[in-house]
Amino acid sequence: MNRWEPVLTDLVRNRGGALVRYATLLCGDRREAEDLVQDALVRVFTTVRRPQGSGPGDFVALEHVEAYVRRTVLNLYLDGYRRRRRWGAVKHLLGAQDSAAGPDQASPEHLDLDSALAALPPRQRACVVLRFYADLTVPQIAEDLGVSPGAVKRHLHDANTKLAMSLTPVGEEE
């Protein structure tokens, strides 16, 4: 047994659900989120990461591994946006049908939030998820995305404006 296998097992057992929920918020589809998390785990654990100066086989703490996997999930989501957009432009040529709503989409409020998040561009959506789900500060988001704090603030402002326009509180519908 490799020394990283217990870390992977603990991560998937204890934090796997949270990682899938995080990815679901980013991409909007649970099945795609599960694939995204699995791809991130494969990427992280195929190249075993060790802190500088550690001996062979020493592994970082579980919370650091989770942070690394979250970062990889975010990068895979942002990198895959172009590919998904390109596929969306030609998918109709194959006669693909949208799948029916599954059990993950149970309440109308959940559907409204999902559709509102889906309408956001990927950088805005990533900023919203990192700010309000991962509870990161603006400087932390800027560092994660490799942009300036001003760009993060602008993405959050634009996203909040779009979300406010598309989400109507219950009871205020006309």
N, C-alpha and C. Protein backbone atom coordinates (compact mmCIF):
# COMPACT_ATOMS: atom_id res chain seq x y z
N MET A 1 0.85 -1.18 0.00
CA MET A 1 0.00 0.00 0.00
C MET A 1 0.89 1.24 0.00
N ASN A 2 0.60 2.17 -0.89
CA ASN A 2 1.34 3.43 -0.94
C ASN A 2 0.95 4.29 0.26
N ARG A 3 1.83 5.21 0.61
CA ARG A 3 1.59 6.05 1.78
C ARG A 3 0.48 7.07 1.55
N TRP A 4 0.15 7.37 0.29
CA TRP A 4 -0.90 8.35 0.00
C TRP A 4 -2.28 7.73 -0.01
N GLU A 5 -2.39 6.41 -0.09
CA GLU A 5 -3.70 5.76 -0.17
C GLU A 5 -4.59 6.03 1.04
N PRO A 6 -4.08 6.01 2.28
CA PRO A 6 -4.96 6.35 3.41
C PRO A 6 -5.45 7.80 3.36
N VAL A 7 -4.62 8.70 2.85
CA VAL A 7 -5.02 10.10 2.73
C VAL A 7 -6.16 10.22 1.72
N LEU A 8 -6.04 9.54 0.60
CA LEU A 8 -7.09 9.55 -0.41
C LEU A 8 -8.38 8.94 0.15
N THR A 9 -8.26 7.82 0.83
CA THR A 9 -9.43 7.16 1.41
C THR A 9 -10.12 8.07 2.41
N ASP A 10 -9.36 8.70 3.31
CA ASP A 10 -9.95 9.62 4.30
C ASP A 10 -10.60 10.81 3.62
N LEU A 11 -9.95 11.35 2.61
CA LEU A 11 -10.50 12.51 1.91
C LEU A 11 -11.83 12.17 1.26
N VAL A 12 -11.89 11.07 0.55
CA VAL A 12 -13.12 10.69 -0.14
C VAL A 12 -14.21 10.33 0.86
N ARG A 13 -13.85 9.60 1.91
CA ARG A 13 -14.84 9.18 2.90
C ARG A 13 -15.39 10.38 3.69
N ASN A 14 -14.52 11.27 4.15
CA ASN A 14 -14.94 12.35 5.05
C ASN A 14 -15.34 13.63 4.34
N ARG A 15 -14.74 13.93 3.19
CA ARG A 15 -14.99 15.21 2.55
C ARG A 15 -15.49 15.07 1.12
N GLY A 16 -15.72 13.85 0.66
CA GLY A 16 -16.15 13.62 -0.72
C GLY A 16 -17.46 14.32 -1.05
N GLY A 17 -18.43 14.26 -0.14
CA GLY A 17 -19.72 14.91 -0.38
C GLY A 17 -19.58 16.42 -0.50
N ALA A 18 -18.76 17.01 0.35
CA ALA A 18 -18.54 18.46 0.29
C ALA A 18 -17.84 18.85 -1.01
N LEU A 19 -16.92 18.03 -1.46
CA LEU A 19 -16.24 18.33 -2.72
C LEU A 19 -17.20 18.25 -3.90
N VAL A 20 -18.10 17.28 -3.89
CA VAL A 20 -19.08 17.15 -4.97
C VAL A 20 -20.06 18.32 -4.93
N ARG A 21 -20.50 18.74 -3.74
CA ARG A 21 -21.41 19.90 -3.64
C ARG A 21 -20.72 21.16 -4.16
N TYR A 22 -19.46 21.35 -3.83
CA TYR A 22 -18.68 22.49 -4.32
C TYR A 22 -18.62 22.47 -5.84
N ALA A 23 -18.31 21.32 -6.41
CA ALA A 23 -18.23 21.21 -7.86
C ALA A 23 -19.60 21.38 -8.51
N THR A 24 -20.66 20.92 -7.84
CA THR A 24 -22.01 21.08 -8.37
C THR A 24 -22.38 22.55 -8.46
N LEU A 25 -22.00 23.32 -7.46
CA LEU A 25 -22.25 24.76 -7.52
C LEU A 25 -21.51 25.41 -8.68
N LEU A 26 -20.32 24.93 -8.96
CA LEU A 26 -19.56 25.49 -10.07
C LEU A 26 -20.17 25.14 -11.42
N CYS A 27 -20.46 23.86 -11.63
CA CYS A 27 -20.86 23.43 -12.97
C CYS A 27 -22.36 23.28 -13.15
N GLY A 28 -23.13 23.17 -12.06
CA GLY A 28 -24.58 23.13 -12.16
C GLY A 28 -25.19 21.76 -12.41
N ASP A 29 -24.40 20.71 -12.50
CA ASP A 29 -24.91 19.38 -12.77
C ASP A 29 -24.20 18.39 -11.87
N ARG A 30 -24.96 17.60 -11.12
CA ARG A 30 -24.35 16.70 -10.14
C ARG A 30 -23.47 15.64 -10.81
N ARG A 31 -23.93 15.06 -11.90
CA ARG A 31 -23.12 14.03 -12.57
C ARG A 31 -21.82 14.62 -13.10
N GLU A 32 -21.92 15.78 -13.69
CA GLU A 32 -20.70 16.44 -14.17
C GLU A 32 -19.78 16.81 -13.01
N ALA A 33 -20.38 17.20 -11.88
CA ALA A 33 -19.59 17.54 -10.69
C ALA A 33 -18.85 16.32 -10.17
N GLU A 34 -19.52 15.17 -10.15
CA GLU A 34 -18.85 13.95 -9.71
C GLU A 34 -17.66 13.62 -10.62
N ASP A 35 -17.85 13.79 -11.91
CA ASP A 35 -16.74 13.57 -12.85
C ASP A 35 -15.61 14.56 -12.62
N LEU A 36 -15.98 15.81 -12.35
CA LEU A 36 -15.00 16.86 -12.11
C LEU A 36 -14.16 16.54 -10.87
N VAL A 37 -14.82 16.10 -9.80
CA VAL A 37 -14.11 15.74 -8.57
C VAL A 37 -13.21 14.53 -8.82
N GLN A 38 -13.71 13.54 -9.53
CA GLN A 38 -12.89 12.37 -9.80
C GLN A 38 -11.67 12.75 -10.65
N ASP A 39 -11.87 13.59 -11.65
CA ASP A 39 -10.73 14.03 -12.47
C ASP A 39 -9.70 14.78 -11.62
N ALA A 40 -10.20 15.61 -10.70
CA ALA A 40 -9.30 16.36 -9.82
C ALA A 40 -8.53 15.41 -8.90
N LEU A 41 -9.21 14.41 -8.35
CA LEU A 41 -8.53 13.45 -7.48
C LEU A 41 -7.46 12.67 -8.26
N VAL A 42 -7.79 12.28 -9.47
CA VAL A 42 -6.82 11.57 -10.29
C VAL A 42 -5.62 12.46 -10.56
N ARG A 43 -5.88 13.70 -10.89
CA ARG A 43 -4.78 14.62 -11.19
C ARG A 43 -3.90 14.86 -9.98
N VAL A 44 -4.53 15.04 -8.82
CA VAL A 44 -3.76 15.32 -7.60
C VAL A 44 -2.97 14.09 -7.15
N PHE A 45 -3.60 12.93 -7.18
CA PHE A 45 -2.96 11.76 -6.60
C PHE A 45 -2.11 10.96 -7.59
N THR A 46 -2.13 11.30 -8.86
CA THR A 46 -1.20 10.63 -9.78
C THR A 46 0.18 11.24 -9.69
N THR A 47 0.23 12.51 -9.33
CA THR A 47 1.51 13.15 -9.06
C THR A 47 1.49 13.48 -7.58
N VAL A 48 2.00 12.60 -6.78
CA VAL A 48 1.94 12.77 -5.33
C VAL A 48 2.69 14.04 -4.94
N ARG A 49 1.98 14.92 -4.27
CA ARG A 49 2.54 16.21 -3.88
C ARG A 49 3.14 16.11 -2.48
N ARG A 50 4.34 16.63 -2.33
CA ARG A 50 5.00 16.64 -1.03
C ARG A 50 5.49 18.06 -0.75
N PRO A 51 5.46 18.47 0.51
CA PRO A 51 6.03 19.78 0.83
C PRO A 51 7.54 19.76 0.61
N GLN A 52 8.11 20.92 0.33
CA GLN A 52 9.55 21.03 0.10
C GLN A 52 10.31 20.51 1.32
N GLY A 53 11.32 19.75 1.06
CA GLY A 53 12.18 19.27 2.14
C GLY A 53 11.67 18.02 2.83
N SER A 54 10.55 17.49 2.40
CA SER A 54 10.04 16.29 3.07
C SER A 54 10.69 15.06 2.45
N GLY A 55 10.69 14.01 3.19
CA GLY A 55 11.26 12.77 2.71
C GLY A 55 10.31 12.09 1.74
N PRO A 56 10.78 11.08 1.04
CA PRO A 56 9.92 10.38 0.09
C PRO A 56 8.75 9.70 0.81
N GLY A 57 7.56 9.90 0.29
CA GLY A 57 6.39 9.25 0.86
C GLY A 57 5.69 10.08 1.92
N ASP A 58 6.31 11.14 2.43
CA ASP A 58 5.62 11.98 3.41
C ASP A 58 4.55 12.79 2.68
N PHE A 59 3.40 12.90 3.28
CA PHE A 59 2.30 13.58 2.61
C PHE A 59 1.81 14.72 3.48
N VAL A 60 1.25 15.74 2.87
CA VAL A 60 0.75 16.89 3.62
C VAL A 60 -0.54 16.50 4.34
N ALA A 61 -0.96 17.35 5.28
CA ALA A 61 -2.16 17.10 6.08
C ALA A 61 -3.40 17.06 5.20
N LEU A 62 -4.44 16.40 5.70
CA LEU A 62 -5.67 16.18 4.95
C LEU A 62 -6.30 17.49 4.50
N GLU A 63 -6.33 18.52 5.37
CA GLU A 63 -6.96 19.79 4.99
C GLU A 63 -6.20 20.47 3.85
N HIS A 64 -4.90 20.27 3.78
CA HIS A 64 -4.13 20.84 2.68
C HIS A 64 -4.42 20.09 1.38
N VAL A 65 -4.59 18.79 1.49
CA VAL A 65 -4.92 18.00 0.31
C VAL A 65 -6.29 18.40 -0.21
N GLU A 66 -7.25 18.61 0.70
CA GLU A 66 -8.59 19.03 0.28
C GLU A 66 -8.53 20.38 -0.42
N ALA A 67 -7.76 21.31 0.11
CA ALA A 67 -7.62 22.62 -0.53
C ALA A 67 -7.01 22.47 -1.92
N TYR A 68 -6.05 21.59 -2.04
CA TYR A 68 -5.41 21.37 -3.34
C TYR A 68 -6.40 20.76 -4.33
N VAL A 69 -7.23 19.82 -3.86
CA VAL A 69 -8.23 19.20 -4.73
C VAL A 69 -9.28 20.24 -5.13
N ARG A 70 -9.71 21.10 -4.19
CA ARG A 70 -10.67 22.16 -4.52
C ARG A 70 -10.10 23.09 -5.60
N ARG A 71 -8.83 23.44 -5.45
CA ARG A 71 -8.19 24.30 -6.43
C ARG A 71 -8.15 23.62 -7.81
N THR A 72 -7.87 22.32 -7.81
CA THR A 72 -7.82 21.57 -9.06
C THR A 72 -9.21 21.48 -9.68
N VAL A 73 -10.25 21.30 -8.86
CA VAL A 73 -11.63 21.29 -9.35
C VAL A 73 -11.94 22.62 -10.03
N LEU A 74 -11.58 23.72 -9.38
CA LEU A 74 -11.82 25.04 -9.95
C LEU A 74 -11.09 25.21 -11.28
N ASN A 75 -9.83 24.80 -11.33
CA ASN A 75 -9.06 24.93 -12.57
C ASN A 75 -9.65 24.07 -13.68
N LEU A 76 -10.05 22.85 -13.36
CA LEU A 76 -10.65 21.98 -14.37
C LEU A 76 -11.96 22.56 -14.89
N TYR A 77 -12.75 23.15 -13.99
CA TYR A 77 -14.01 23.77 -14.41
C TYR A 77 -13.74 24.94 -15.36
N LEU A 78 -12.84 25.82 -14.98
CA LEU A 78 -12.55 26.99 -15.82
C LEU A 78 -11.90 26.57 -17.14
N ASP A 79 -11.01 25.58 -17.11
CA ASP A 79 -10.37 25.12 -18.34
C ASP A 79 -11.37 24.44 -19.28
N GLY A 80 -12.34 23.75 -18.71
CA GLY A 80 -13.29 23.02 -19.53
C GLY A 80 -14.41 23.87 -20.09
N TYR A 81 -14.50 25.13 -19.68
CA TYR A 81 -15.59 25.99 -20.16
C TYR A 81 -15.57 26.12 -21.68
N ARG A 82 -14.39 26.39 -22.25
CA ARG A 82 -14.30 26.54 -23.70
C ARG A 82 -14.71 25.27 -24.43
N ARG A 83 -14.27 24.15 -23.90
CA ARG A 83 -14.61 22.86 -24.50
C ARG A 83 -16.12 22.63 -24.46
N ARG A 84 -16.75 22.92 -23.33
CA ARG A 84 -18.20 22.75 -23.21
C ARG A 84 -18.94 23.70 -24.13
N ARG A 85 -18.46 24.92 -24.25
CA ARG A 85 -19.11 25.90 -25.12
C ARG A 85 -19.00 25.47 -26.57
N ARG A 86 -17.83 24.98 -26.96
CA ARG A 86 -17.64 24.51 -28.33
C ARG A 86 -18.55 23.32 -28.62
N TRP A 87 -18.67 22.38 -27.68
CA TRP A 87 -19.53 21.23 -27.85
C TRP A 87 -20.99 21.68 -27.94
N GLY A 88 -21.38 22.66 -27.14
CA GLY A 88 -22.74 23.17 -27.18
C GLY A 88 -23.11 23.74 -28.54
N ALA A 89 -22.12 24.26 -29.25
CA ALA A 89 -22.39 24.85 -30.56
C ALA A 89 -22.65 23.79 -31.63
N VAL A 90 -22.17 22.56 -31.43
CA VAL A 90 -22.37 21.53 -32.44
C VAL A 90 -23.24 20.37 -31.96
N LYS A 91 -23.62 20.37 -30.72
CA LYS A 91 -24.38 19.26 -30.14
C LYS A 91 -25.72 19.06 -30.86
N HIS A 92 -26.34 20.14 -31.28
CA HIS A 92 -27.63 20.03 -31.95
C HIS A 92 -27.54 19.25 -33.27
N LEU A 93 -26.35 19.20 -33.85
CA LEU A 93 -26.17 18.47 -35.10
C LEU A 93 -26.33 16.95 -34.92
N LEU A 94 -26.14 16.48 -33.70
CA LEU A 94 -26.28 15.06 -33.41
C LEU A 94 -27.66 14.69 -32.90
N GLY A 95 -28.53 15.68 -32.71
CA GLY A 95 -29.88 15.42 -32.23
C GLY A 95 -29.93 15.08 -30.76
N ALA A 96 -28.97 15.58 -29.97
CA ALA A 96 -28.96 15.29 -28.53
C ALA A 96 -30.14 15.96 -27.84
N GLN A 97 -30.74 15.25 -26.91
CA GLN A 97 -31.87 15.75 -26.14
C GLN A 97 -31.39 16.10 -24.75
N ASP A 98 -31.99 17.12 -24.15
CA ASP A 98 -31.70 17.44 -22.76
C ASP A 98 -32.29 16.36 -21.87
N SER A 99 -31.58 16.00 -20.85
CA SER A 99 -32.09 14.97 -19.94
C SER A 99 -33.17 15.55 -19.04
N ALA A 100 -34.07 14.71 -18.58
CA ALA A 100 -35.15 15.14 -17.70
C ALA A 100 -34.58 15.53 -16.35
N ALA A 101 -35.32 16.37 -15.65
CA ALA A 101 -34.89 16.81 -14.33
C ALA A 101 -34.82 15.61 -13.39
N GLY A 102 -33.77 15.52 -12.63
CA GLY A 102 -33.58 14.41 -11.72
C GLY A 102 -33.99 14.75 -10.31
N PRO A 103 -33.76 13.85 -9.38
CA PRO A 103 -34.17 14.07 -8.00
C PRO A 103 -33.36 15.17 -7.31
N ASP A 104 -32.19 15.54 -7.85
CA ASP A 104 -31.40 16.61 -7.25
C ASP A 104 -32.10 17.96 -7.38
N GLN A 105 -33.04 18.07 -8.30
CA GLN A 105 -33.73 19.33 -8.53
C GLN A 105 -35.14 19.22 -7.97
N ALA A 106 -35.26 19.28 -6.64
CA ALA A 106 -36.51 18.97 -5.99
C ALA A 106 -37.43 20.18 -5.82
N SER A 107 -36.89 21.33 -5.45
CA SER A 107 -37.76 22.45 -5.13
C SER A 107 -37.63 23.56 -6.16
N PRO A 108 -38.70 24.36 -6.33
CA PRO A 108 -38.63 25.47 -7.28
C PRO A 108 -37.54 26.49 -6.93
N GLU A 109 -37.30 26.71 -5.63
CA GLU A 109 -36.25 27.64 -5.22
C GLU A 109 -34.89 27.14 -5.68
N HIS A 110 -34.68 25.84 -5.57
CA HIS A 110 -33.42 25.23 -6.01
C HIS A 110 -33.25 25.41 -7.51
N LEU A 111 -34.33 25.23 -8.26
CA LEU A 111 -34.28 25.38 -9.70
C LEU A 111 -33.97 26.84 -10.08
N ASP A 112 -34.57 27.79 -9.37
CA ASP A 112 -34.30 29.19 -9.67
C ASP A 112 -32.83 29.52 -9.46
N LEU A 113 -32.25 29.07 -8.36
CA LEU A 113 -30.84 29.35 -8.08
C LEU A 113 -29.94 28.67 -9.10
N ASP A 114 -30.25 27.42 -9.43
CA ASP A 114 -29.44 26.72 -10.43
C ASP A 114 -29.47 27.44 -11.77
N SER A 115 -30.64 27.85 -12.21
CA SER A 115 -30.72 28.52 -13.51
C SER A 115 -30.07 29.89 -13.46
N ALA A 116 -30.19 30.57 -12.32
CA ALA A 116 -29.55 31.88 -12.20
C ALA A 116 -28.02 31.74 -12.21
N LEU A 117 -27.50 30.73 -11.52
CA LEU A 117 -26.05 30.50 -11.54
C LEU A 117 -25.59 30.07 -12.93
N ALA A 118 -26.41 29.26 -13.60
CA ALA A 118 -26.03 28.78 -14.93
C ALA A 118 -25.95 29.92 -15.94
N ALA A 119 -26.70 30.99 -15.70
CA ALA A 119 -26.71 32.11 -16.64
C ALA A 119 -25.47 33.00 -16.50
N LEU A 120 -24.70 32.80 -15.42
CA LEU A 120 -23.51 33.62 -15.20
C LEU A 120 -22.34 33.10 -16.03
N PRO A 121 -21.49 34.01 -16.51
CA PRO A 121 -20.24 33.57 -17.16
C PRO A 121 -19.37 32.83 -16.14
N PRO A 122 -18.44 31.99 -16.60
CA PRO A 122 -17.69 31.12 -15.68
C PRO A 122 -16.89 31.87 -14.62
N ARG A 123 -16.26 32.97 -14.95
CA ARG A 123 -15.47 33.71 -13.94
C ARG A 123 -16.39 34.29 -12.86
N GLN A 124 -17.53 34.84 -13.27
CA GLN A 124 -18.47 35.39 -12.30
C GLN A 124 -19.02 34.28 -11.41
N ARG A 125 -19.35 33.16 -12.03
CA ARG A 125 -19.89 32.03 -11.26
C ARG A 125 -18.84 31.52 -10.28
N ALA A 126 -17.59 31.40 -10.74
CA ALA A 126 -16.52 30.95 -9.85
C ALA A 126 -16.34 31.91 -8.69
N CYS A 127 -16.39 33.21 -8.95
CA CYS A 127 -16.25 34.20 -7.88
C CYS A 127 -17.38 34.08 -6.86
N VAL A 128 -18.61 33.90 -7.34
CA VAL A 128 -19.75 33.77 -6.44
C VAL A 128 -19.62 32.52 -5.58
N VAL A 129 -19.26 31.40 -6.20
CA VAL A 129 -19.13 30.15 -5.44
C VAL A 129 -18.00 30.26 -4.42
N LEU A 130 -16.86 30.81 -4.84
CA LEU A 130 -15.74 30.94 -3.91
C LEU A 130 -16.05 31.91 -2.77
N ARG A 131 -16.80 32.95 -3.05
CA ARG A 131 -17.10 33.95 -2.02
C ARG A 131 -18.17 33.45 -1.06
N PHE A 132 -19.26 32.92 -1.58
CA PHE A 132 -20.41 32.63 -0.73
C PHE A 132 -20.53 31.16 -0.33
N TYR A 133 -19.89 30.25 -1.05
CA TYR A 133 -19.91 28.85 -0.65
C TYR A 133 -18.62 28.47 0.06
N ALA A 134 -17.49 28.80 -0.54
CA ALA A 134 -16.20 28.46 0.07
C ALA A 134 -15.79 29.49 1.12
N ASP A 135 -16.52 30.61 1.21
CA ASP A 135 -16.31 31.65 2.21
C ASP A 135 -14.88 32.22 2.17
N LEU A 136 -14.39 32.46 0.96
CA LEU A 136 -13.07 33.06 0.79
C LEU A 136 -13.20 34.58 0.74
N THR A 137 -12.13 35.26 1.11
CA THR A 137 -12.10 36.71 1.01
C THR A 137 -11.76 37.11 -0.43
N VAL A 138 -11.95 38.37 -0.74
CA VAL A 138 -11.65 38.87 -2.08
C VAL A 138 -10.17 38.64 -2.43
N PRO A 139 -9.22 38.95 -1.54
CA PRO A 139 -7.82 38.68 -1.89
C PRO A 139 -7.53 37.18 -2.12
N GLN A 140 -8.19 36.31 -1.34
CA GLN A 140 -7.99 34.87 -1.54
C GLN A 140 -8.54 34.42 -2.89
N ILE A 141 -9.70 34.95 -3.27
CA ILE A 141 -10.28 34.62 -4.57
C ILE A 141 -9.38 35.11 -5.69
N ALA A 142 -8.87 36.33 -5.53
CA ALA A 142 -7.98 36.89 -6.55
C ALA A 142 -6.74 36.01 -6.73
N GLU A 143 -6.20 35.54 -5.62
CA GLU A 143 -5.03 34.67 -5.69
C GLU A 143 -5.38 33.33 -6.36
N ASP A 144 -6.53 32.76 -6.00
CA ASP A 144 -6.94 31.48 -6.58
C ASP A 144 -7.17 31.59 -8.09
N LEU A 145 -7.77 32.69 -8.53
CA LEU A 145 -8.08 32.85 -9.95
C LEU A 145 -6.95 33.50 -10.74
N GLY A 146 -5.97 34.03 -10.04
CA GLY A 146 -4.85 34.67 -10.73
C GLY A 146 -5.23 36.01 -11.35
N VAL A 147 -6.13 36.74 -10.69
CA VAL A 147 -6.54 38.06 -11.16
C VAL A 147 -6.37 39.06 -10.02
N SER A 148 -6.60 40.32 -10.32
CA SER A 148 -6.47 41.35 -9.29
C SER A 148 -7.70 41.36 -8.39
N PRO A 149 -7.58 41.87 -7.16
CA PRO A 149 -8.75 41.99 -6.29
C PRO A 149 -9.84 42.88 -6.90
N GLY A 150 -9.43 43.88 -7.67
CA GLY A 150 -10.41 44.74 -8.33
C GLY A 150 -11.25 43.97 -9.35
N ALA A 151 -10.61 43.04 -10.06
CA ALA A 151 -11.34 42.22 -11.03
C ALA A 151 -12.34 41.32 -10.31
N VAL A 152 -11.93 40.77 -9.16
CA VAL A 152 -12.84 39.93 -8.38
C VAL A 152 -14.04 40.75 -7.91
N LYS A 153 -13.78 41.95 -7.43
CA LYS A 153 -14.88 42.81 -6.98
C LYS A 153 -15.84 43.12 -8.12
N ARG A 154 -15.29 43.36 -9.29
CA ARG A 154 -16.12 43.65 -10.46
C ARG A 154 -16.94 42.42 -10.86
N HIS A 155 -16.31 41.25 -10.86
CA HIS A 155 -17.05 40.02 -11.17
C HIS A 155 -18.17 39.79 -10.15
N LEU A 156 -17.87 40.00 -8.87
CA LEU A 156 -18.89 39.80 -7.83
C LEU A 156 -20.03 40.81 -7.97
N HIS A 157 -19.69 42.05 -8.28
CA HIS A 157 -20.72 43.08 -8.47
C HIS A 157 -21.62 42.74 -9.64
N ASP A 158 -21.01 42.41 -10.77
CA ASP A 158 -21.79 42.07 -11.96
C ASP A 158 -22.65 40.82 -11.72
N ALA A 159 -22.07 39.82 -11.05
CA ALA A 159 -22.82 38.59 -10.77
C ALA A 159 -23.98 38.88 -9.81
N ASN A 160 -23.73 39.67 -8.78
CA ASN A 160 -24.81 40.00 -7.83
C ASN A 160 -25.93 40.77 -8.51
N THR A 161 -25.59 41.66 -9.43
CA THR A 161 -26.60 42.40 -10.17
C THR A 161 -27.45 41.45 -11.01
N LYS A 162 -26.80 40.53 -11.72
CA LYS A 162 -27.53 39.57 -12.55
C LYS A 162 -28.38 38.63 -11.69
N LEU A 163 -27.81 38.18 -10.56
CA LEU A 163 -28.57 37.29 -9.69
C LEU A 163 -29.77 38.00 -9.07
N ALA A 164 -29.60 39.27 -8.70
CA ALA A 164 -30.72 40.01 -8.11
C ALA A 164 -31.84 40.19 -9.12
N MET A 165 -31.47 40.38 -10.41
CA MET A 165 -32.50 40.55 -11.42
C MET A 165 -33.21 39.23 -11.74
N SER A 166 -32.49 38.12 -11.67
CA SER A 166 -33.09 36.85 -12.08
C SER A 166 -33.78 36.10 -10.94
N LEU A 167 -33.43 36.41 -9.70
CA LEU A 167 -34.06 35.73 -8.57
C LEU A 167 -35.11 36.64 -7.95
N THR A 168 -36.32 36.14 -7.86
CA THR A 168 -37.40 36.89 -7.24
C THR A 168 -37.78 36.21 -5.94
N PRO A 169 -37.77 36.93 -4.82
CA PRO A 169 -38.15 36.31 -3.56
C PRO A 169 -39.56 35.74 -3.62
N VAL A 170 -39.79 34.64 -2.88
CA VAL A 170 -41.11 34.00 -2.84
C VAL A 170 -42.11 34.98 -2.25
N GLY A 171 -43.25 35.11 -2.90
CA GLY A 171 -44.29 36.03 -2.44
C GLY A 171 -44.25 37.37 -3.13
N GLU A 172 -43.19 37.68 -3.85
CA GLU A 172 -43.10 38.96 -4.55
C GLU A 172 -43.23 38.79 -6.05
N GLU A 173 -43.65 37.61 -6.48
CA GLU A 173 -43.82 37.35 -7.91
C GLU A 173 -45.06 38.05 -8.40
N GLU A 174 -45.01 38.53 -9.64
CA GLU A 174 -46.17 39.22 -10.20
C GLU A 174 -46.79 38.42 -11.29
